[in-house]
All heavy atoms as atom14 arrays in JSON, in Angstrom:
{
  "sequence": "PSLAIDFSSMDLVKRCVEHTWTHVDKNIDRQCSPPPWRTKTLTLS",
  "atom14_mask": [
    [1, 1, 1, 1, 1, 1, 1, 0, 0, 0, 0, 0, 0, 0],
    [1, 1, 1, 1, 1, 1, 0, 0, 0, 0, 0, 0, 0, 0],
    [1, 1, 1, 1, 1, 1, 1, 1, 0, 0, 0, 0, 0, 0],
    [1, 1, 1, 1, 1, 0, 0, 0, 0, 0, 0, 0, 0, 0],
    [1, 1, 1, 1, 1, 1, 1, 1, 0, 0, 0, 0, 0, 0],
    [1, 1, 1, 1, 1, 1, 1, 1, 0, 0, 0, 0, 0, 0],
    [1, 1, 1, 1, 1, 1, 1, 1, 1, 1, 1, 0, 0, 0],
    [1, 1, 1, 1, 1, 1, 0, 0, 0, 0, 0, 0, 0, 0],
    [1, 1, 1, 1, 1, 1, 0, 0, 0, 0, 0, 0, 0, 0],
    [1, 1, 1, 1, 1, 1, 1, 1, 0, 0, 0, 0, 0, 0],
    [1, 1, 1, 1, 1, 1, 1, 1, 0, 0, 0, 0, 0, 0],
    [1, 1, 1, 1, 1, 1, 1, 1, 0, 0, 0, 0, 0, 0],
    [1, 1, 1, 1, 1, 1, 1, 0, 0, 0, 0, 0, 0, 0],
    [1, 1, 1, 1, 1, 1, 1, 1, 1, 0, 0, 0, 0, 0],
    [1, 1, 1, 1, 1, 1, 1, 1, 1, 1, 1, 0, 0, 0],
    [1, 1, 1, 1, 1, 1, 0, 0, 0, 0, 0, 0, 0, 0],
    [1, 1, 1, 1, 1, 1, 1, 0, 0, 0, 0, 0, 0, 0],
    [1, 1, 1, 1, 1, 1, 1, 1, 1, 0, 0, 0, 0, 0],
    [1, 1, 1, 1, 1, 1, 1, 1, 1, 1, 0, 0, 0, 0],
    [1, 1, 1, 1, 1, 1, 1, 0, 0, 0, 0, 0, 0, 0],
    [1, 1, 1, 1, 1, 1, 1, 1, 1, 1, 1, 1, 1, 1],
    [1, 1, 1, 1, 1, 1, 1, 0, 0, 0, 0, 0, 0, 0],
    [1, 1, 1, 1, 1, 1, 1, 1, 1, 1, 0, 0, 0, 0],
    [1, 1, 1, 1, 1, 1, 1, 0, 0, 0, 0, 0, 0, 0],
    [1, 1, 1, 1, 1, 1, 1, 1, 0, 0, 0, 0, 0, 0],
    [1, 1, 1, 1, 1, 1, 1, 1, 1, 0, 0, 0, 0, 0],
    [1, 1, 1, 1, 1, 1, 1, 1, 0, 0, 0, 0, 0, 0],
    [1, 1, 1, 1, 1, 1, 1, 1, 0, 0, 0, 0, 0, 0],
    [1, 1, 1, 1, 1, 1, 1, 1, 0, 0, 0, 0, 0, 0],
    [1, 1, 1, 1, 1, 1, 1, 1, 1, 1, 1, 0, 0, 0],
    [1, 1, 1, 1, 1, 1, 1, 1, 1, 0, 0, 0, 0, 0],
    [1, 1, 1, 1, 1, 1, 0, 0, 0, 0, 0, 0, 0, 0],
    [1, 1, 1, 1, 1, 1, 0, 0, 0, 0, 0, 0, 0, 0],
    [1, 1, 1, 1, 1, 1, 1, 0, 0, 0, 0, 0, 0, 0],
    [1, 1, 1, 1, 1, 1, 1, 0, 0, 0, 0, 0, 0, 0],
    [1, 1, 1, 1, 1, 1, 1, 0, 0, 0, 0, 0, 0, 0],
    [1, 1, 1, 1, 1, 1, 1, 1, 1, 1, 1, 1, 1, 1],
    [1, 1, 1, 1, 1, 1, 1, 1, 1, 1, 1, 0, 0, 0],
    [1, 1, 1, 1, 1, 1, 1, 0, 0, 0, 0, 0, 0, 0],
    [1, 1, 1, 1, 1, 1, 1, 1, 1, 0, 0, 0, 0, 0],
    [1, 1, 1, 1, 1, 1, 1, 0, 0, 0, 0, 0, 0, 0],
    [1, 1, 1, 1, 1, 1, 1, 1, 0, 0, 0, 0, 0, 0],
    [1, 1, 1, 1, 1, 1, 1, 0, 0, 0, 0, 0, 0, 0],
    [1, 1, 1, 1, 1, 1, 1, 1, 0, 0, 0, 0, 0, 0],
    [1, 1, 1, 1, 1, 1, 0, 0, 0, 0, 0, 0, 0, 0]
  ],
  "atom14_positions": [
    [[235.32, 212.97, 14.24], [235.69, 211.56, 14.38], [236.62, 211.3, 15.56], [236.61, 210.22, 16.14], [236.39, 211.24, 13.06], [235.84, 212.25, 12.09], [235.64, 213.49, 12.9], [0.0, 0.0, 0.0], [0.0, 0.0, 0.0], [0.0, 0.0, 0.0], [0.0, 0.0, 0.0], [0.0, 0.0, 0.0], [0.0, 0.0, 0.0], [0.0, 0.0, 0.0]],
    [[237.43, 212.31, 15.94], [238.36, 212.15, 17.06], [238.07, 213.21, 18.11], [238.17, 214.41, 17.85], [239.82, 212.29, 16.57], [240.73, 212.22, 17.65], [0.0, 0.0, 0.0], [0.0, 0.0, 0.0], [0.0, 0.0, 0.0], [0.0, 0.0, 0.0], [0.0, 0.0, 0.0], [0.0, 0.0, 0.0], [0.0, 0.0, 0.0], [0.0, 0.0, 0.0]],
    [[237.71, 212.76, 19.31], [237.39, 213.65, 20.43], [238.35, 213.39, 21.57], [238.52, 212.25, 22.01], [235.95, 213.42, 20.9], [235.54, 214.06, 22.23], [235.6, 215.58, 22.13], [234.14, 213.6, 22.65], [0.0, 0.0, 0.0], [0.0, 0.0, 0.0], [0.0, 0.0, 0.0], [0.0, 0.0, 0.0], [0.0, 0.0, 0.0], [0.0, 0.0, 0.0]],
    [[238.99, 214.46, 22.03], [239.88, 214.37, 23.2], [239.34, 215.27, 24.29], [238.97, 216.41, 24.03], [241.3, 214.79, 22.83], [0.0, 0.0, 0.0], [0.0, 0.0, 0.0], [0.0, 0.0, 0.0], [0.0, 0.0, 0.0], [0.0, 0.0, 0.0], [0.0, 0.0, 0.0], [0.0, 0.0, 0.0], [0.0, 0.0, 0.0], [0.0, 0.0, 0.0]],
    [[239.3, 214.74, 25.51], [238.7, 215.51, 26.6], [239.35, 215.14, 27.92], [239.72, 213.99, 28.15], [237.18, 215.29, 26.64], [236.5, 216.31, 27.57], [236.84, 213.86, 27.04], [235.03, 216.48, 27.3], [0.0, 0.0, 0.0], [0.0, 0.0, 0.0], [0.0, 0.0, 0.0], [0.0, 0.0, 0.0], [0.0, 0.0, 0.0], [0.0, 0.0, 0.0]],
    [[239.52, 216.14, 28.78], [239.99, 215.87, 30.12], [238.88, 215.13, 30.86], [237.7, 215.47, 30.74], [240.33, 217.18, 30.84], [241.05, 216.93, 32.16], [240.35, 216.67, 33.15], [242.29, 217.0, 32.19], [0.0, 0.0, 0.0], [0.0, 0.0, 0.0], [0.0, 0.0, 0.0], [0.0, 0.0, 0.0], [0.0, 0.0, 0.0], [0.0, 0.0, 0.0]],
    [[239.25, 214.1, 31.61], [238.23, 213.28, 32.26], [237.35, 214.09, 33.19], [236.17, 213.76, 33.37], [238.9, 212.14, 33.03], [237.92, 211.09, 33.48], [237.35, 210.22, 32.57], [237.57, 210.97, 34.81], [236.44, 209.25, 32.98], [236.66, 210.01, 35.24], [236.1, 209.14, 34.31], [0.0, 0.0, 0.0], [0.0, 0.0, 0.0], [0.0, 0.0, 0.0]],
    [[237.89, 215.16, 33.74], [237.09, 216.01, 34.62], [236.01, 216.78, 33.85], [235.12, 217.37, 34.46], [238.0, 217.0, 35.37], [238.73, 217.8, 34.46], [0.0, 0.0, 0.0], [0.0, 0.0, 0.0], [0.0, 0.0, 0.0], [0.0, 0.0, 0.0], [0.0, 0.0, 0.0], [0.0, 0.0, 0.0], [0.0, 0.0, 0.0], [0.0, 0.0, 0.0]],
    [[236.09, 216.78, 32.51], [235.08, 217.44, 31.69], [234.13, 216.45, 31.02], [233.37, 216.83, 30.13], [235.76, 218.29, 30.6], [236.49, 219.36, 31.16], [0.0, 0.0, 0.0], [0.0, 0.0, 0.0], [0.0, 0.0, 0.0], [0.0, 0.0, 0.0], [0.0, 0.0, 0.0], [0.0, 0.0, 0.0], [0.0, 0.0, 0.0], [0.0, 0.0, 0.0]],
    [[234.17, 215.19, 31.47], [233.3, 214.19, 30.86], [231.82, 214.5, 31.06], [230.97, 214.02, 30.32], [233.62, 212.8, 31.43], [234.81, 212.13, 30.77], [234.47, 211.62, 29.07], [233.5, 210.14, 29.36], [0.0, 0.0, 0.0], [0.0, 0.0, 0.0], [0.0, 0.0, 0.0], [0.0, 0.0, 0.0], [0.0, 0.0, 0.0], [0.0, 0.0, 0.0]],
    [[231.5, 215.32, 32.06], [230.11, 215.7, 32.26], [229.57, 216.44, 31.04], [228.4, 216.3, 30.68], [229.96, 216.56, 33.51], [228.51, 216.97, 33.76], [227.7, 216.07, 34.04], [228.2, 218.17, 33.64], [0.0, 0.0, 0.0], [0.0, 0.0, 0.0], [0.0, 0.0, 0.0], [0.0, 0.0, 0.0], [0.0, 0.0, 0.0], [0.0, 0.0, 0.0]],
    [[230.44, 217.24, 30.39], [230.02, 217.95, 29.19], [229.7, 216.96, 28.07], [228.71, 217.13, 27.34], [231.12, 218.91, 28.73], [230.85, 219.65, 27.42], [229.59, 220.49, 27.51], [232.05, 220.52, 27.04], [0.0, 0.0, 0.0], [0.0, 0.0, 0.0], [0.0, 0.0, 0.0], [0.0, 0.0, 0.0], [0.0, 0.0, 0.0], [0.0, 0.0, 0.0]],
    [[230.52, 215.93, 27.92], [230.25, 214.9, 26.91], [228.93, 214.2, 27.22], [228.11, 213.95, 26.33], [231.4, 213.88, 26.85], [231.09, 212.77, 25.85], [232.7, 214.56, 26.47], [0.0, 0.0, 0.0], [0.0, 0.0, 0.0], [0.0, 0.0, 0.0], [0.0, 0.0, 0.0], [0.0, 0.0, 0.0], [0.0, 0.0, 0.0], [0.0, 0.0, 0.0]],
    [[228.73, 213.88, 28.5], [227.49, 213.22, 28.91], [226.27, 214.07, 28.53], [225.27, 213.55, 27.99], [227.5, 212.98, 30.42], [226.26, 212.27, 30.95], [226.26, 212.2, 32.47], [225.99, 213.57, 33.07], [225.83, 213.51, 34.55], [0.0, 0.0, 0.0], [0.0, 0.0, 0.0], [0.0, 0.0, 0.0], [0.0, 0.0, 0.0], [0.0, 0.0, 0.0]],
    [[226.35, 215.38, 28.77], [225.24, 216.27, 28.46], [225.01, 216.37, 26.95], [223.87, 216.37, 26.47], [225.5, 217.65, 29.04], [225.48, 217.7, 30.57], [226.01, 219.04, 31.07], [225.2, 220.14, 30.56], [225.66, 221.39, 30.44], [226.91, 221.67, 30.78], [224.88, 222.34, 29.98], [0.0, 0.0, 0.0], [0.0, 0.0, 0.0], [0.0, 0.0, 0.0]],
    [[226.13, 216.45, 26.18], [226.0, 216.54, 24.72], [225.43, 215.25, 24.13], [224.6, 215.28, 23.22], [227.37, 216.85, 24.09], [227.95, 218.54, 24.35], [0.0, 0.0, 0.0], [0.0, 0.0, 0.0], [0.0, 0.0, 0.0], [0.0, 0.0, 0.0], [0.0, 0.0, 0.0], [0.0, 0.0, 0.0], [0.0, 0.0, 0.0], [0.0, 0.0, 0.0]],
    [[225.89, 214.12, 24.66], [225.39, 212.83, 24.19], [223.91, 212.69, 24.48], [223.11, 212.28, 23.63], [226.19, 211.68, 24.83], [225.5, 210.34, 24.61], [227.61, 211.64, 24.25], [0.0, 0.0, 0.0], [0.0, 0.0, 0.0], [0.0, 0.0, 0.0], [0.0, 0.0, 0.0], [0.0, 0.0, 0.0], [0.0, 0.0, 0.0], [0.0, 0.0, 0.0]],
    [[223.5, 213.03, 25.7], [222.1, 212.93, 26.08], [221.24, 213.89, 25.26], [220.13, 213.55, 24.83], [221.93, 213.21, 27.57], [220.5, 213.13, 28.09], [219.9, 211.74, 27.99], [220.66, 210.76, 27.79], [218.66, 211.63, 28.1], [0.0, 0.0, 0.0], [0.0, 0.0, 0.0], [0.0, 0.0, 0.0], [0.0, 0.0, 0.0], [0.0, 0.0, 0.0]],
    [[221.77, 215.1, 25.03], [221.04, 216.09, 24.23], [220.82, 215.57, 22.81], [219.72, 215.68, 22.26], [221.84, 217.39, 24.19], [221.18, 218.48, 23.41], [220.22, 219.31, 23.94], [221.35, 218.87, 22.11], [219.83, 220.17, 23.01], [220.49, 219.92, 21.89], [0.0, 0.0, 0.0], [0.0, 0.0, 0.0], [0.0, 0.0, 0.0], [0.0, 0.0, 0.0]],
    [[221.87, 215.0, 22.22], [221.76, 214.47, 20.85], [220.83, 213.26, 20.81], [220.02, 213.11, 19.9], [223.16, 214.07, 20.34], [224.02, 215.2, 20.4], [223.09, 213.57, 18.91], [0.0, 0.0, 0.0], [0.0, 0.0, 0.0], [0.0, 0.0, 0.0], [0.0, 0.0, 0.0], [0.0, 0.0, 0.0], [0.0, 0.0, 0.0], [0.0, 0.0, 0.0]],
    [[220.94, 212.41, 21.83], [220.14, 211.18, 21.9], [218.65, 211.49, 21.98], [217.83, 210.84, 21.33], [220.6, 210.4, 23.13], [220.0, 209.04, 23.33], [218.95, 208.73, 24.14], [220.43, 207.81, 22.74], [218.7, 207.38, 24.1], [219.6, 206.78, 23.25], [221.44, 207.47, 21.84], [219.74, 205.44, 22.89], [221.58, 206.14, 21.48], [220.74, 205.15, 21.99]],
    [[218.31, 212.49, 22.78], [216.89, 212.82, 22.98], [216.29, 213.55, 21.78], [215.06, 213.63, 21.68], [216.7, 213.68, 24.23], [217.53, 214.85, 24.15], [217.07, 212.9, 25.48], [0.0, 0.0, 0.0], [0.0, 0.0, 0.0], [0.0, 0.0, 0.0], [0.0, 0.0, 0.0], [0.0, 0.0, 0.0], [0.0, 0.0, 0.0], [0.0, 0.0, 0.0]],
    [[217.14, 214.1, 20.91], [216.63, 214.83, 19.75], [216.6, 213.97, 18.48], [216.32, 214.48, 17.39], [217.47, 216.08, 19.49], [217.19, 217.19, 20.46], [217.62, 217.16, 21.77], [216.5, 218.35, 20.33], [217.22, 218.26, 22.4], [216.54, 218.99, 21.54], [0.0, 0.0, 0.0], [0.0, 0.0, 0.0], [0.0, 0.0, 0.0], [0.0, 0.0, 0.0]],
    [[216.9, 212.69, 18.62], [216.78, 211.79, 17.48], [215.31, 211.53, 17.2], [214.49, 211.41, 18.12], [217.52, 210.45, 17.78], [217.25, 209.43, 16.68], [219.01, 210.69, 17.91], [0.0, 0.0, 0.0], [0.0, 0.0, 0.0], [0.0, 0.0, 0.0], [0.0, 0.0, 0.0], [0.0, 0.0, 0.0], [0.0, 0.0, 0.0], [0.0, 0.0, 0.0]],
    [[214.99, 211.41, 15.94], [213.61, 211.14, 15.53], [213.09, 209.89, 16.24], [213.7, 208.82, 16.17], [213.56, 210.94, 14.01], [212.13, 210.86, 13.48], [211.21, 210.58, 14.28], [211.94, 211.09, 12.28], [0.0, 0.0, 0.0], [0.0, 0.0, 0.0], [0.0, 0.0, 0.0], [0.0, 0.0, 0.0], [0.0, 0.0, 0.0], [0.0, 0.0, 0.0]],
    [[211.98, 210.02, 16.93], [211.43, 208.9, 17.71], [210.98, 207.73, 16.83], [210.81, 206.62, 17.32], [210.26, 209.39, 18.56], [210.67, 210.39, 19.65], [209.49, 210.8, 20.49], [209.91, 211.77, 21.58], [208.77, 212.2, 22.42], [0.0, 0.0, 0.0], [0.0, 0.0, 0.0], [0.0, 0.0, 0.0], [0.0, 0.0, 0.0], [0.0, 0.0, 0.0]],
    [[210.82, 207.99, 15.55], [210.4, 206.92, 14.64], [211.57, 206.05, 14.18], [211.37, 205.03, 13.52], [209.69, 207.51, 13.42], [208.4, 208.22, 13.79], [207.66, 207.73, 14.65], [208.13, 209.34, 13.16], [0.0, 0.0, 0.0], [0.0, 0.0, 0.0], [0.0, 0.0, 0.0], [0.0, 0.0, 0.0], [0.0, 0.0, 0.0], [0.0, 0.0, 0.0]],
    [[212.79, 206.47, 14.53], [213.98, 205.73, 14.12], [214.28, 204.64, 15.15], [214.25, 204.89, 16.35], [215.19, 206.68, 13.98], [214.95, 207.68, 12.82], [216.46, 205.89, 13.72], [216.06, 208.69, 12.65], [0.0, 0.0, 0.0], [0.0, 0.0, 0.0], [0.0, 0.0, 0.0], [0.0, 0.0, 0.0], [0.0, 0.0, 0.0], [0.0, 0.0, 0.0]],
    [[214.58, 203.47, 14.67], [214.95, 202.35, 15.55], [216.4, 202.53, 15.98], [217.32, 202.35, 15.18], [214.77, 201.03, 14.81], [215.0, 199.82, 15.72], [215.46, 200.02, 16.87], [214.75, 198.69, 15.28], [0.0, 0.0, 0.0], [0.0, 0.0, 0.0], [0.0, 0.0, 0.0], [0.0, 0.0, 0.0], [0.0, 0.0, 0.0], [0.0, 0.0, 0.0]],
    [[216.63, 202.89, 17.24], [217.98, 203.15, 17.72], [218.85, 201.91, 17.72], [220.07, 201.98, 17.65], [217.92, 203.75, 19.13], [217.39, 205.17, 19.17], [217.22, 205.64, 20.6], [216.82, 207.05, 20.66], [216.42, 207.66, 21.77], [216.32, 206.97, 22.89], [216.1, 208.93, 21.75], [0.0, 0.0, 0.0], [0.0, 0.0, 0.0], [0.0, 0.0, 0.0]],
    [[218.23, 200.75, 17.84], [219.0, 199.51, 17.89], [219.61, 199.17, 16.53], [220.68, 198.58, 16.45], [218.1, 198.35, 18.36], [217.54, 198.53, 19.76], [218.62, 198.57, 20.82], [219.64, 197.9, 20.71], [218.39, 199.37, 21.86], [0.0, 0.0, 0.0], [0.0, 0.0, 0.0], [0.0, 0.0, 0.0], [0.0, 0.0, 0.0], [0.0, 0.0, 0.0]],
    [[218.91, 199.53, 15.46], [219.36, 199.17, 14.11], [220.04, 200.32, 13.37], [220.8, 200.09, 12.43], [218.18, 198.67, 13.28], [217.34, 197.23, 13.99], [0.0, 0.0, 0.0], [0.0, 0.0, 0.0], [0.0, 0.0, 0.0], [0.0, 0.0, 0.0], [0.0, 0.0, 0.0], [0.0, 0.0, 0.0], [0.0, 0.0, 0.0], [0.0, 0.0, 0.0]],
    [[219.77, 201.54, 13.78], [220.33, 202.71, 13.1], [221.7, 203.06, 13.66], [222.01, 202.77, 14.82], [219.39, 203.9, 13.26], [218.11, 203.6, 12.74], [0.0, 0.0, 0.0], [0.0, 0.0, 0.0], [0.0, 0.0, 0.0], [0.0, 0.0, 0.0], [0.0, 0.0, 0.0], [0.0, 0.0, 0.0], [0.0, 0.0, 0.0], [0.0, 0.0, 0.0]],
    [[222.56, 203.7, 12.85], [223.86, 204.15, 13.36], [223.67, 205.21, 14.43], [222.65, 205.93, 14.43], [224.55, 204.71, 12.12], [223.45, 205.03, 11.18], [222.37, 204.03, 11.43], [0.0, 0.0, 0.0], [0.0, 0.0, 0.0], [0.0, 0.0, 0.0], [0.0, 0.0, 0.0], [0.0, 0.0, 0.0], [0.0, 0.0, 0.0], [0.0, 0.0, 0.0]],
    [[224.6, 205.34, 15.36], [224.46, 206.32, 16.45], [224.47, 207.74, 15.9], [225.06, 208.0, 14.85], [225.68, 206.05, 17.34], [226.67, 205.4, 16.43], [225.88, 204.59, 15.46], [0.0, 0.0, 0.0], [0.0, 0.0, 0.0], [0.0, 0.0, 0.0], [0.0, 0.0, 0.0], [0.0, 0.0, 0.0], [0.0, 0.0, 0.0], [0.0, 0.0, 0.0]],
    [[223.85, 208.68, 16.59], [223.76, 210.07, 16.11], [225.02, 210.87, 16.42], [224.95, 212.05, 16.75], [222.55, 210.61, 16.87], [222.56, 209.86, 18.16], [223.06, 208.47, 17.83], [0.0, 0.0, 0.0], [0.0, 0.0, 0.0], [0.0, 0.0, 0.0], [0.0, 0.0, 0.0], [0.0, 0.0, 0.0], [0.0, 0.0, 0.0], [0.0, 0.0, 0.0]],
    [[226.17, 210.24, 16.34], [227.46, 210.93, 16.51], [228.5, 210.19, 15.66], [228.29, 209.06, 15.23], [227.88, 210.95, 17.98], [227.68, 209.64, 18.68], [228.41, 208.5, 18.55], [226.65, 209.33, 19.63], [227.92, 207.5, 19.34], [226.84, 207.98, 20.02], [225.61, 210.06, 20.19], [226.01, 207.35, 20.95], [224.78, 209.43, 21.1], [224.98, 208.11, 21.48]],
    [[229.63, 210.86, 15.44], [230.66, 210.31, 14.56], [231.92, 209.92, 15.32], [232.91, 209.52, 14.71], [231.01, 211.32, 13.46], [229.85, 211.66, 12.53], [230.21, 212.82, 11.63], [231.39, 212.53, 10.83], [232.12, 213.47, 10.23], [231.81, 214.74, 10.37], [233.15, 213.15, 9.5], [0.0, 0.0, 0.0], [0.0, 0.0, 0.0], [0.0, 0.0, 0.0]],
    [[231.92, 210.05, 16.62], [233.12, 209.79, 17.42], [233.55, 208.33, 17.3], [232.8, 207.43, 17.68], [232.88, 210.14, 18.89], [232.31, 211.44, 18.99], [234.18, 210.08, 19.67], [0.0, 0.0, 0.0], [0.0, 0.0, 0.0], [0.0, 0.0, 0.0], [0.0, 0.0, 0.0], [0.0, 0.0, 0.0], [0.0, 0.0, 0.0], [0.0, 0.0, 0.0]],
    [[234.76, 208.12, 16.81], [235.33, 206.78, 16.72], [236.59, 206.65, 17.58], [236.88, 205.57, 18.11], [235.66, 206.43, 15.26], [234.43, 206.19, 14.4], [233.62, 205.02, 14.96], [232.37, 204.75, 14.15], [231.55, 203.65, 14.74], [0.0, 0.0, 0.0], [0.0, 0.0, 0.0], [0.0, 0.0, 0.0], [0.0, 0.0, 0.0], [0.0, 0.0, 0.0]],
    [[237.32, 207.75, 17.71], [238.51, 207.75, 18.56], [238.28, 208.68, 19.74], [238.01, 209.87, 19.56], [239.75, 208.22, 17.77], [239.99, 207.33, 16.68], [240.98, 208.25, 18.68], [0.0, 0.0, 0.0], [0.0, 0.0, 0.0], [0.0, 0.0, 0.0], [0.0, 0.0, 0.0], [0.0, 0.0, 0.0], [0.0, 0.0, 0.0], [0.0, 0.0, 0.0]],
    [[238.36, 208.14, 20.95], [238.17, 208.91, 22.18], [239.49, 208.97, 22.92], [240.07, 207.93, 23.25], [237.1, 208.27, 23.05], [236.83, 208.94, 24.4], [236.29, 210.35, 24.21], [235.85, 208.11, 25.23], [0.0, 0.0, 0.0], [0.0, 0.0, 0.0], [0.0, 0.0, 0.0], [0.0, 0.0, 0.0], [0.0, 0.0, 0.0], [0.0, 0.0, 0.0]],
    [[239.97, 210.19, 23.16], [241.21, 210.38, 23.92], [240.86, 211.01, 25.26], [240.19, 212.04, 25.32], [242.18, 211.31, 23.16], [242.49, 210.73, 21.89], [243.47, 211.5, 23.95], [0.0, 0.0, 0.0], [0.0, 0.0, 0.0], [0.0, 0.0, 0.0], [0.0, 0.0, 0.0], [0.0, 0.0, 0.0], [0.0, 0.0, 0.0], [0.0, 0.0, 0.0]],
    [[241.31, 210.37, 26.35], [241.04, 210.86, 27.7], [242.35, 211.28, 28.35], [243.34, 210.54, 28.31], [240.36, 209.77, 28.53], [238.99, 209.32, 28.05], [238.48, 208.16, 28.91], [238.0, 210.47, 28.08], [0.0, 0.0, 0.0], [0.0, 0.0, 0.0], [0.0, 0.0, 0.0], [0.0, 0.0, 0.0], [0.0, 0.0, 0.0], [0.0, 0.0, 0.0]],
    [[242.35, 212.45, 28.93], [243.54, 212.94, 29.63], [243.21, 213.19, 31.09], [242.04, 213.33, 31.47], [244.05, 214.24, 28.98], [243.07, 215.26, 29.09], [0.0, 0.0, 0.0], [0.0, 0.0, 0.0], [0.0, 0.0, 0.0], [0.0, 0.0, 0.0], [0.0, 0.0, 0.0], [0.0, 0.0, 0.0], [0.0, 0.0, 0.0], [0.0, 0.0, 0.0]]
  ]
}
């Protein structure tokens, strides 16, 4: 629920997000379904 990351490592978050996004079931409506991650608090350093 809480992810903290140095801004210089945001590329790793981008890769993880894209990886998770592309592995979501294609039959699921992304607009209506909850996102495939639990991050609610983002801390950037």
